[in-house]
């Protein structure tokens, strides 16, 4: 058996931008949740020792990291990617690949006895529906942007981008040409309950009372 020191490189991001403040703002852990973020916060800038032999796979190392961070090698943290950082690149290997081979060819060519494991947590809720040529998304980091529950609508050519209010299908930011605006409105209103549920479960904004919007309750 041989041993290697595994150093953590832990970050979180929103909309392709690093947002490591999530680790320092417990009220804003985002859709990842405190069960994922709090243990990661404690492990930032630390390392652990991992023993391996010629038959050890990458999966064994990832399981060891999960045990070290969350206490459970079978834990499946949502929106979380594992990669290796070496030579200025992030490598996303197949978990079944032989670890010793990767160490020799890519990760520790100089035989330093140390490698870096990147753990990246996304707070993007992402795409929730599509209907050609439109894609419908919910962003997790919504607090302070718009006061009303809405869906982000883009065309596949990335020419148009708009925020469409769920309650009435009206564009409240950005723009869509009339034909696409009509299409988006029809889609959102026909699947209104689904989109409200996406807003309530996938953003860090305020939740809304769906029953009120459906006319089932008045106040």
Protein backbone atom coordinates (compact mmCIF):
# COMPACT_ATOMS: atom_id res chain seq x y z
CA UNK A 1 0.00 0.00 0.00
CA UNK A 2 1.08 3.55 -0.72
CA UNK A 3 -0.18 6.82 0.71
CA UNK A 4 -0.90 10.20 -0.82
CA UNK A 5 -1.97 13.49 0.71
CA UNK A 6 -5.23 14.79 -0.76
CA UNK A 7 -5.66 18.56 -0.45
CA UNK A 8 -9.16 20.04 -0.80
CA UNK A 9 -9.96 22.85 -3.24
CA UNK A 10 -13.58 23.72 -2.36
CA UNK A 11 -15.70 26.40 -4.05
CA UNK A 12 -19.32 27.28 -4.76
CA UNK A 13 -20.66 29.15 -7.76
CA UNK A 14 -23.80 30.74 -9.19
CA UNK A 15 -24.40 31.46 -12.88
CA UNK A 16 -20.79 30.59 -13.82
CA UNK A 17 -19.32 32.91 -11.16
CA UNK A 18 -17.63 31.89 -7.92
CA UNK A 19 -19.73 32.72 -4.87
CA UNK A 20 -17.68 31.43 -1.97
CA UNK A 21 -19.56 33.78 0.38
CA UNK A 22 -22.11 30.97 0.65
CA UNK A 23 -19.72 29.28 3.05
CA UNK A 24 -19.76 32.34 5.33
CA UNK A 25 -23.46 33.20 5.10
CA UNK A 26 -25.43 30.35 6.74
CA UNK A 27 -28.76 32.00 5.89
CA UNK A 28 -27.92 31.80 2.17
CA UNK A 29 -26.64 28.29 1.60
CA UNK A 30 -28.88 28.17 -1.48
CA UNK A 31 -30.39 25.02 -2.93
CA UNK A 32 -27.37 22.94 -1.88
CA UNK A 33 -28.54 23.21 1.73
CA UNK A 34 -26.69 23.33 5.08
CA UNK A 35 -26.27 19.53 5.16
CA UNK A 36 -23.87 19.94 2.23
CA UNK A 37 -22.38 23.36 2.83
CA UNK A 38 -21.59 23.29 6.54
CA UNK A 39 -19.33 20.20 6.41
CA UNK A 40 -17.61 21.57 3.30
CA UNK A 41 -16.99 24.89 5.03
CA UNK A 42 -15.16 23.09 7.82
CA UNK A 43 -12.98 21.19 5.34
CA UNK A 44 -11.82 24.10 3.20
CA UNK A 45 -8.01 24.38 3.04
CA UNK A 46 -7.51 21.04 4.78
CA UNK A 47 -6.25 17.66 3.55
CA UNK A 48 -6.44 13.96 4.38
CA UNK A 49 -4.22 10.93 3.83
CA UNK A 50 -5.39 8.24 1.44
CA UNK A 51 -3.91 4.76 1.08
CA UNK A 52 -4.08 3.01 -2.29
CA UNK A 53 -2.59 0.18 -4.32
CA UNK A 54 -2.43 -0.75 -8.00
CA UNK A 55 -6.10 -1.82 -8.07
CA UNK A 56 -7.59 1.27 -6.38
CA UNK A 57 -10.10 3.24 -8.44
CA UNK A 58 -10.98 6.92 -8.42
CA UNK A 59 -14.32 5.96 -6.87
CA UNK A 60 -12.52 4.66 -3.78
CA UNK A 61 -10.84 8.03 -3.31
CA UNK A 62 -14.11 9.93 -3.80
CA UNK A 63 -15.82 7.68 -1.25
CA UNK A 64 -12.98 8.35 1.19
CA UNK A 65 -13.44 12.09 0.68
CA UNK A 66 -17.20 11.79 1.28
CA UNK A 67 -16.50 9.89 4.48
CA UNK A 68 -14.02 12.56 5.56
CA UNK A 69 -16.36 15.47 4.78
CA UNK A 70 -19.86 14.13 5.46
CA UNK A 71 -19.16 10.97 7.45
CA UNK A 72 -20.82 8.77 4.81
CA UNK A 73 -19.05 7.32 1.73
CA UNK A 74 -22.45 6.72 0.06
CA UNK A 75 -23.65 10.30 0.50
CA UNK A 76 -24.83 11.88 -2.78
CA UNK A 77 -24.52 15.67 -2.43
CA UNK A 78 -26.78 17.39 -4.99
CA UNK A 79 -25.30 19.86 -7.48
CA UNK A 80 -21.78 18.84 -6.42
CA UNK A 81 -18.94 17.85 -8.75
CA UNK A 82 -15.66 16.18 -7.88
CA UNK A 83 -12.56 16.77 -9.97
CA UNK A 84 -8.78 16.79 -9.71
CA UNK A 85 -6.80 20.01 -10.06
CA UNK A 86 -3.35 19.72 -11.61
CA UNK A 87 -1.15 21.65 -14.03
CA UNK A 88 -3.63 24.52 -14.13
CA UNK A 89 -6.47 22.25 -15.25
CA UNK A 90 -9.48 20.60 -13.65
CA UNK A 91 -9.83 16.96 -14.64
CA UNK A 92 -13.17 15.14 -14.38
CA UNK A 93 -12.24 11.44 -14.55
CA UNK A 94 -14.46 8.41 -14.79
CA UNK A 95 -14.88 6.93 -11.32
CA UNK A 96 -13.90 3.47 -12.58
CA UNK A 97 -10.46 4.63 -13.77
CA UNK A 98 -7.35 3.30 -12.02
CA UNK A 99 -6.04 5.89 -9.58
CA UNK A 100 -2.37 4.86 -9.73
CA UNK A 101 -2.36 5.33 -13.50
CA UNK A 102 -3.86 8.82 -13.20
CA UNK A 103 -1.32 9.79 -10.57
CA UNK A 104 1.55 8.73 -12.79
CA UNK A 105 0.27 10.27 -16.03
CA UNK A 106 -1.48 13.44 -14.89
CA UNK A 107 -1.99 14.17 -11.22
CA UNK A 108 1.43 13.67 -9.60
CA UNK A 109 3.96 13.29 -12.40
CA UNK A 110 6.72 14.73 -10.21
CA UNK A 111 5.91 12.25 -7.42
CA UNK A 112 5.38 14.92 -4.78
CA UNK A 113 3.05 12.69 -2.75
CA UNK A 114 0.30 15.33 -2.85
CA UNK A 115 -2.70 15.94 -5.12
CA UNK A 116 -5.61 18.39 -5.09
CA UNK A 117 -9.24 17.30 -5.08
CA UNK A 118 -11.67 19.99 -6.26
CA UNK A 119 -15.21 19.97 -4.87
CA UNK A 120 -17.46 22.43 -6.70
CA UNK A 121 -21.00 23.15 -5.54
CA UNK A 122 -23.44 24.75 -7.98
CA UNK A 123 -26.30 26.89 -6.66
CA UNK A 124 -27.90 27.16 -10.09
CA UNK A 125 -31.31 25.55 -10.18
CA UNK A 126 -31.06 25.35 -13.94
CA UNK A 127 -33.38 24.34 -16.73
CA UNK A 128 -36.78 22.98 -15.72
CA UNK A 129 -38.59 22.74 -19.06
CA UNK A 130 -38.16 23.19 -22.80
CA UNK A 131 -40.40 23.60 -25.80
CA UNK A 132 -38.64 24.27 -29.08
CA UNK A 133 -37.24 26.85 -29.58
CA UNK A 134 -37.51 28.02 -25.95
CA UNK A 135 -35.84 26.87 -22.73
CA UNK A 136 -37.28 27.62 -19.29
CA UNK A 137 -35.03 27.98 -16.24
CA UNK A 138 -35.19 28.87 -12.55
CA UNK A 139 -32.15 30.48 -10.93
CA UNK A 140 -31.50 29.73 -7.30
CA UNK A 141 -29.91 33.10 -6.52
CA UNK A 142 -32.98 35.32 -6.99
CA UNK A 143 -33.29 37.34 -3.79
CA UNK A 144 -33.29 41.07 -4.55
CA UNK A 145 -33.51 40.76 -8.35
CA UNK A 146 -37.25 40.67 -8.95
CA UNK A 147 -39.99 40.79 -6.36
CA UNK A 148 -42.36 38.52 -8.26
CA UNK A 149 -42.07 34.77 -8.99
CA UNK A 150 -40.86 34.38 -12.55
CA UNK A 151 -39.26 32.04 -15.05
CA UNK A 152 -36.21 32.82 -17.18
CA UNK A 153 -36.93 32.15 -20.85
CA UNK A 154 -34.25 31.91 -23.55
CA UNK A 155 -34.30 30.84 -27.16
CA UNK A 156 -31.87 28.11 -28.23
CA UNK A 157 -29.91 30.61 -30.31
CA UNK A 158 -29.33 32.85 -27.24
CA UNK A 159 -30.67 35.89 -29.10
CA UNK A 160 -33.44 36.59 -26.62
CA UNK A 161 -33.61 36.40 -22.83
CA UNK A 162 -36.53 37.43 -20.65
CA UNK A 163 -37.99 37.04 -17.18
CA UNK A 164 -41.65 36.03 -17.42
CA UNK A 165 -44.01 36.36 -14.47
CA UNK A 166 -45.63 33.07 -13.54
CA UNK A 167 -48.94 34.52 -12.39
CA UNK A 168 -49.94 36.03 -15.76
CA UNK A 169 -47.21 35.16 -18.29
CA UNK A 170 -46.13 38.79 -18.69
CA UNK A 171 -42.52 39.72 -19.52
CA UNK A 172 -41.15 41.76 -16.60
CA UNK A 173 -37.51 42.03 -17.73
CA UNK A 174 -35.64 41.48 -20.98
CA UNK A 175 -37.51 40.87 -24.21
CA UNK A 176 -38.95 38.24 -26.53
CA UNK A 177 -40.34 38.82 -30.02
CA UNK A 178 -44.18 38.71 -30.11
CA UNK A 179 -44.37 35.16 -31.45
CA UNK A 180 -42.04 33.77 -28.77
CA UNK A 181 -43.64 35.87 -26.04
CA UNK A 182 -47.03 34.40 -26.92
CA UNK A 183 -45.55 30.90 -26.90
CA UNK A 184 -43.86 31.42 -23.51
CA UNK A 185 -47.04 32.83 -21.98
CA UNK A 186 -49.08 29.86 -23.16
CA UNK A 187 -46.51 27.39 -21.82
CA UNK A 188 -46.15 29.04 -18.42
CA UNK A 189 -49.87 29.48 -17.85
CA UNK A 190 -50.67 25.93 -18.95
CA UNK A 191 -48.05 24.52 -16.55
CA UNK A 192 -48.49 27.23 -13.92
CA UNK A 193 -48.62 24.97 -10.88
CA UNK A 194 -45.42 23.21 -11.96
CA UNK A 195 -43.57 26.52 -12.43
CA UNK A 196 -44.79 27.87 -9.09
CA UNK A 197 -43.54 24.68 -7.43
CA UNK A 198 -40.16 25.12 -9.14
CA UNK A 199 -39.97 28.67 -7.80
CA UNK A 200 -40.89 27.58 -4.27
CA UNK A 201 -38.45 24.68 -4.09
CA UNK A 202 -35.49 25.85 -6.18
CA UNK A 203 -34.83 29.52 -5.36
CA UNK A 204 -33.58 31.44 -2.35
CA UNK A 205 -36.37 34.01 -2.77
CA UNK A 206 -39.63 34.15 -0.82
CA UNK A 207 -42.08 31.30 -1.34
CA UNK A 208 -45.56 32.08 -2.60
CA UNK A 209 -48.99 30.66 -1.78
CA UNK A 210 -49.93 28.68 -4.91
CA UNK A 211 -53.54 28.34 -3.74
CA UNK A 212 -53.92 32.11 -3.83
CA UNK A 213 -52.81 32.27 -7.45
CA UNK A 214 -55.16 29.44 -8.39
CA UNK A 215 -58.08 31.26 -6.80
CA UNK A 216 -58.57 28.55 -4.18
CA UNK A 217 -58.14 30.94 -1.26
CA UNK A 218 -58.66 34.67 -0.74
CA UNK A 219 -57.16 37.01 1.82
